[in-house]
């Protein structure tokens, strides 16, 4: 993160959750991404769900094959 242009790039997948928040729906794979901002959670696990906020620079996305909500 300190040197994102020269650092290791990651492949990430974003997946929607259905209304029950348990079932995965449509997903998209992003290639050669790097994290540009990261905010770690505060608090403790006993307080409930902890969330890490991340922002990514994305190089390109794979065209999804099937499932869930259509991107068009």
Protein backbone atom coordinates (compact mmCIF):
# COMPACT_ATOMS: atom_id res chain seq x y z
CA UNK A 1 0.00 0.00 0.00
CA UNK A 2 2.89 2.37 0.59
CA UNK A 3 4.01 1.99 -3.03
CA UNK A 4 0.94 0.73 -4.93
CA UNK A 5 2.28 1.29 -8.44
CA UNK A 6 5.22 -1.03 -7.77
CA UNK A 7 3.68 -3.37 -5.20
CA UNK A 8 2.20 -6.81 -5.66
CA UNK A 9 -1.16 -6.76 -7.44
CA UNK A 10 -4.07 -8.93 -6.35
CA UNK A 11 -7.03 -10.60 -8.01
CA UNK A 12 -10.25 -9.88 -6.12
CA UNK A 13 -13.83 -11.09 -6.47
CA UNK A 14 -16.89 -9.04 -5.51
CA UNK A 15 -20.04 -11.04 -4.85
CA UNK A 16 -23.50 -9.74 -4.15
CA UNK A 17 -25.50 -11.22 -1.29
CA UNK A 18 -29.19 -11.94 -1.57
CA UNK A 19 -31.68 -10.33 0.80
CA UNK A 20 -31.15 -13.06 3.38
CA UNK A 21 -27.42 -12.06 3.45
CA UNK A 22 -26.47 -15.73 3.31
CA UNK A 23 -26.67 -16.69 -0.34
CA UNK A 24 -24.12 -15.55 -2.90
CA UNK A 25 -25.49 -14.15 -6.13
CA UNK A 26 -23.78 -12.43 -9.03
CA UNK A 27 -19.99 -12.08 -8.81
CA UNK A 28 -17.31 -10.32 -10.85
CA UNK A 29 -13.57 -11.10 -10.86
CA UNK A 30 -11.18 -8.15 -11.01
CA UNK A 31 -7.58 -8.71 -12.09
CA UNK A 32 -4.30 -7.01 -11.22
CA UNK A 33 -5.76 -4.69 -8.57
CA UNK A 34 -3.95 -2.88 -5.79
CA UNK A 35 -5.27 -1.49 -2.54
CA UNK A 36 -5.03 2.30 -2.33
CA UNK A 37 -6.80 2.88 0.99
CA UNK A 38 -7.34 0.67 4.01
CA UNK A 39 -9.18 1.44 7.25
CA UNK A 40 -9.00 -1.26 9.89
CA UNK A 41 -11.94 -1.86 12.22
CA UNK A 42 -12.05 -0.48 15.73
CA UNK A 43 -13.63 -2.26 18.66
CA UNK A 44 -13.68 -5.89 19.67
CA UNK A 45 -15.24 -9.04 18.28
CA UNK A 46 -17.56 -9.14 21.30
CA UNK A 47 -19.19 -5.93 20.04
CA UNK A 48 -20.38 -7.67 16.87
CA UNK A 49 -19.31 -7.63 13.24
CA UNK A 50 -16.11 -5.72 12.52
CA UNK A 51 -15.73 -4.24 9.05
CA UNK A 52 -12.54 -3.37 7.18
CA UNK A 53 -13.01 -0.64 4.57
CA UNK A 54 -10.83 -0.98 1.48
CA UNK A 55 -10.55 0.99 -1.74
CA UNK A 56 -8.99 -0.63 -4.80
CA UNK A 57 -7.54 0.55 -8.08
CA UNK A 58 -8.81 -1.96 -10.64
CA UNK A 59 -6.91 -2.86 -13.80
CA UNK A 60 -9.66 -4.87 -15.56
CA UNK A 61 -12.69 -7.08 -14.91
CA UNK A 62 -13.44 -10.52 -16.28
CA UNK A 63 -16.73 -10.84 -18.12
CA UNK A 64 -18.99 -12.92 -15.88
CA UNK A 65 -20.42 -16.11 -17.29
CA UNK A 66 -23.70 -16.55 -15.45
CA UNK A 67 -25.78 -16.01 -12.35
CA UNK A 68 -27.48 -13.32 -10.30
CA UNK A 69 -28.16 -9.79 -11.48
CA UNK A 70 -27.09 -8.93 -15.00
CA UNK A 71 -24.57 -6.05 -15.25
CA UNK A 72 -26.29 -4.57 -18.33
